[in-house]
Amino acid sequence: MQPFVDVSCPYCGETIGLMLDASAGEQTYIEDCHVCCRPIVVSVGFDEDGEPQVSVHAEDEA
C-alpha cells in the first residue's frame, strides 16, 4: 500500500493530497498544485519505522 499524505501548497495554502511511492526510497520531485497549478518541490524520506517524512517548498525557494 502506498502512503498518502496531506500537505499545504506553499503558494495558495490549500491542502492537497499526495500519494507517495515508498518503494522509490528518498526522492525529490516536482508536483503541480491541484488547486493553483503552480510547481511544488516535494522532498520525501522515510524514518526507521517506514513513516513518510515530507517537506514541500516553492520552486523558486532556495
N, C-alpha and C. Protein backbone atom coordinates (compact mmCIF):
# COMPACT_ATOMS: atom_id res chain seq x y z
N MET A 1 0.84 -1.18 0.00
CA MET A 1 0.00 0.00 0.00
C MET A 1 0.89 1.25 0.00
N GLN A 2 0.54 2.20 -0.82
CA GLN A 2 1.31 3.44 -0.90
C GLN A 2 0.77 4.44 0.11
N PRO A 3 1.68 5.09 0.87
CA PRO A 3 1.22 6.08 1.85
C PRO A 3 0.64 7.32 1.15
N PHE A 4 -0.32 7.91 1.80
CA PHE A 4 -0.99 9.10 1.31
C PHE A 4 -0.84 10.18 2.37
N VAL A 5 -0.36 11.37 2.00
CA VAL A 5 -0.18 12.46 2.97
C VAL A 5 -0.83 13.74 2.45
N ASP A 6 -1.25 14.58 3.38
CA ASP A 6 -1.78 15.90 3.05
C ASP A 6 -0.69 16.93 3.34
N VAL A 7 -0.50 17.86 2.41
CA VAL A 7 0.46 18.95 2.58
C VAL A 7 -0.23 20.25 2.18
N SER A 8 0.34 21.36 2.63
CA SER A 8 -0.19 22.67 2.24
C SER A 8 0.64 23.24 1.11
N CYS A 9 -0.02 23.74 0.09
CA CYS A 9 0.67 24.36 -1.03
C CYS A 9 1.39 25.61 -0.55
N PRO A 10 2.69 25.77 -0.87
CA PRO A 10 3.42 26.96 -0.43
C PRO A 10 2.98 28.24 -1.15
N TYR A 11 2.20 28.11 -2.20
CA TYR A 11 1.72 29.28 -2.95
C TYR A 11 0.34 29.72 -2.48
N CYS A 12 -0.65 28.82 -2.56
CA CYS A 12 -2.03 29.21 -2.27
C CYS A 12 -2.50 28.77 -0.89
N GLY A 13 -1.73 27.92 -0.21
CA GLY A 13 -2.07 27.50 1.14
C GLY A 13 -3.11 26.38 1.23
N GLU A 14 -3.66 25.97 0.11
CA GLU A 14 -4.65 24.90 0.12
C GLU A 14 -4.01 23.56 0.47
N THR A 15 -4.78 22.71 1.14
CA THR A 15 -4.31 21.37 1.46
C THR A 15 -4.52 20.48 0.24
N ILE A 16 -3.46 19.78 -0.14
CA ILE A 16 -3.56 18.84 -1.26
C ILE A 16 -3.04 17.49 -0.79
N GLY A 17 -3.55 16.44 -1.39
CA GLY A 17 -3.13 15.09 -1.05
C GLY A 17 -2.10 14.58 -2.02
N LEU A 18 -1.07 13.93 -1.49
CA LEU A 18 -0.03 13.34 -2.32
C LEU A 18 0.06 11.84 -2.02
N MET A 19 0.13 11.04 -3.06
CA MET A 19 0.37 9.61 -2.89
C MET A 19 1.86 9.39 -3.06
N LEU A 20 2.48 8.77 -2.08
CA LEU A 20 3.92 8.57 -2.08
C LEU A 20 4.27 7.15 -2.50
N ASP A 21 5.36 7.01 -3.22
CA ASP A 21 5.85 5.71 -3.65
C ASP A 21 6.97 5.28 -2.70
N ALA A 22 6.63 4.50 -1.70
CA ALA A 22 7.59 4.08 -0.68
C ALA A 22 8.69 3.21 -1.27
N SER A 23 8.43 2.53 -2.37
CA SER A 23 9.43 1.64 -2.97
C SER A 23 10.57 2.42 -3.63
N ALA A 24 10.38 3.72 -3.87
CA ALA A 24 11.39 4.53 -4.54
C ALA A 24 12.43 5.10 -3.56
N GLY A 25 12.20 4.94 -2.26
CA GLY A 25 13.15 5.47 -1.27
C GLY A 25 13.10 6.98 -1.22
N GLU A 26 14.20 7.58 -0.74
CA GLU A 26 14.26 9.04 -0.66
C GLU A 26 14.24 9.64 -2.06
N GLN A 27 13.50 10.72 -2.20
CA GLN A 27 13.36 11.32 -3.53
C GLN A 27 12.96 12.78 -3.42
N THR A 28 13.23 13.51 -4.47
CA THR A 28 12.78 14.89 -4.62
C THR A 28 12.22 15.02 -6.03
N TYR A 29 11.03 15.58 -6.11
CA TYR A 29 10.39 15.73 -7.42
C TYR A 29 9.48 16.95 -7.40
N ILE A 30 9.00 17.34 -8.56
CA ILE A 30 8.10 18.48 -8.69
C ILE A 30 6.70 17.98 -9.01
N GLU A 31 5.74 18.50 -8.27
CA GLU A 31 4.33 18.16 -8.48
C GLU A 31 3.55 19.46 -8.56
N ASP A 32 2.66 19.58 -9.51
CA ASP A 32 1.84 20.78 -9.61
C ASP A 32 0.73 20.75 -8.57
N CYS A 33 0.46 21.91 -7.96
CA CYS A 33 -0.64 22.03 -7.01
C CYS A 33 -1.94 21.71 -7.76
N HIS A 34 -2.80 20.95 -7.13
CA HIS A 34 -4.06 20.55 -7.75
C HIS A 34 -5.07 21.70 -7.76
N VAL A 35 -4.76 22.78 -7.00
CA VAL A 35 -5.67 23.92 -6.91
C VAL A 35 -5.19 25.08 -7.78
N CYS A 36 -3.94 25.54 -7.56
CA CYS A 36 -3.45 26.73 -8.28
C CYS A 36 -2.51 26.38 -9.45
N CYS A 37 -2.18 25.11 -9.60
CA CYS A 37 -1.36 24.60 -10.72
C CYS A 37 0.09 25.08 -10.72
N ARG A 38 0.58 25.64 -9.62
CA ARG A 38 1.98 26.08 -9.58
C ARG A 38 2.87 24.90 -9.15
N PRO A 39 4.14 24.91 -9.55
CA PRO A 39 5.03 23.78 -9.27
C PRO A 39 5.54 23.78 -7.83
N ILE A 40 5.35 22.65 -7.15
CA ILE A 40 5.79 22.47 -5.77
C ILE A 40 6.93 21.46 -5.77
N VAL A 41 8.02 21.78 -5.07
CA VAL A 41 9.12 20.82 -4.91
C VAL A 41 8.79 19.97 -3.69
N VAL A 42 8.71 18.67 -3.90
CA VAL A 42 8.36 17.71 -2.84
C VAL A 42 9.60 16.88 -2.52
N SER A 43 10.00 16.86 -1.26
CA SER A 43 11.11 16.03 -0.80
C SER A 43 10.54 14.98 0.14
N VAL A 44 10.86 13.72 -0.14
CA VAL A 44 10.30 12.60 0.62
C VAL A 44 11.43 11.74 1.17
N GLY A 45 11.32 11.41 2.42
CA GLY A 45 12.21 10.46 3.06
C GLY A 45 11.35 9.57 3.94
N PHE A 46 11.93 8.53 4.49
CA PHE A 46 11.19 7.63 5.35
C PHE A 46 12.01 7.37 6.61
N ASP A 47 11.37 7.41 7.79
CA ASP A 47 12.09 7.15 9.02
C ASP A 47 12.31 5.65 9.20
N GLU A 48 12.95 5.28 10.30
CA GLU A 48 13.29 3.87 10.51
C GLU A 48 12.06 2.97 10.66
N ASP A 49 10.89 3.56 10.96
CA ASP A 49 9.65 2.79 11.06
C ASP A 49 8.90 2.75 9.73
N GLY A 50 9.47 3.39 8.70
CA GLY A 50 8.82 3.41 7.39
C GLY A 50 7.80 4.52 7.22
N GLU A 51 7.70 5.41 8.22
CA GLU A 51 6.75 6.51 8.13
C GLU A 51 7.32 7.60 7.22
N PRO A 52 6.50 8.15 6.34
CA PRO A 52 7.00 9.18 5.42
C PRO A 52 7.30 10.49 6.13
N GLN A 53 8.38 11.11 5.72
CA GLN A 53 8.77 12.45 6.18
C GLN A 53 8.77 13.33 4.93
N VAL A 54 7.81 14.23 4.82
CA VAL A 54 7.60 15.01 3.60
C VAL A 54 7.78 16.49 3.88
N SER A 55 8.50 17.18 3.00
CA SER A 55 8.58 18.64 3.07
C SER A 55 8.31 19.17 1.67
N VAL A 56 7.68 20.33 1.62
CA VAL A 56 7.36 20.97 0.34
C VAL A 56 7.81 22.42 0.39
N HIS A 57 8.21 22.93 -0.77
CA HIS A 57 8.52 24.35 -0.87
C HIS A 57 8.29 24.82 -2.31
N ALA A 58 8.20 26.13 -2.44
CA ALA A 58 8.00 26.72 -3.77
C ALA A 58 9.22 26.45 -4.63
N GLU A 59 9.03 26.33 -5.92
CA GLU A 59 10.11 26.02 -6.84
C GLU A 59 11.20 27.08 -6.83
N ASP A 60 10.84 28.33 -6.58
CA ASP A 60 11.82 29.41 -6.63
C ASP A 60 12.50 29.66 -5.28
N GLU A 61 12.19 28.87 -4.25
CA GLU A 61 12.88 28.98 -2.96
C GLU A 61 14.18 28.23 -3.00
N ALA A 62 15.17 28.71 -2.29
CA ALA A 62 16.48 28.05 -2.27
C ALA A 62 16.46 26.82 -1.40
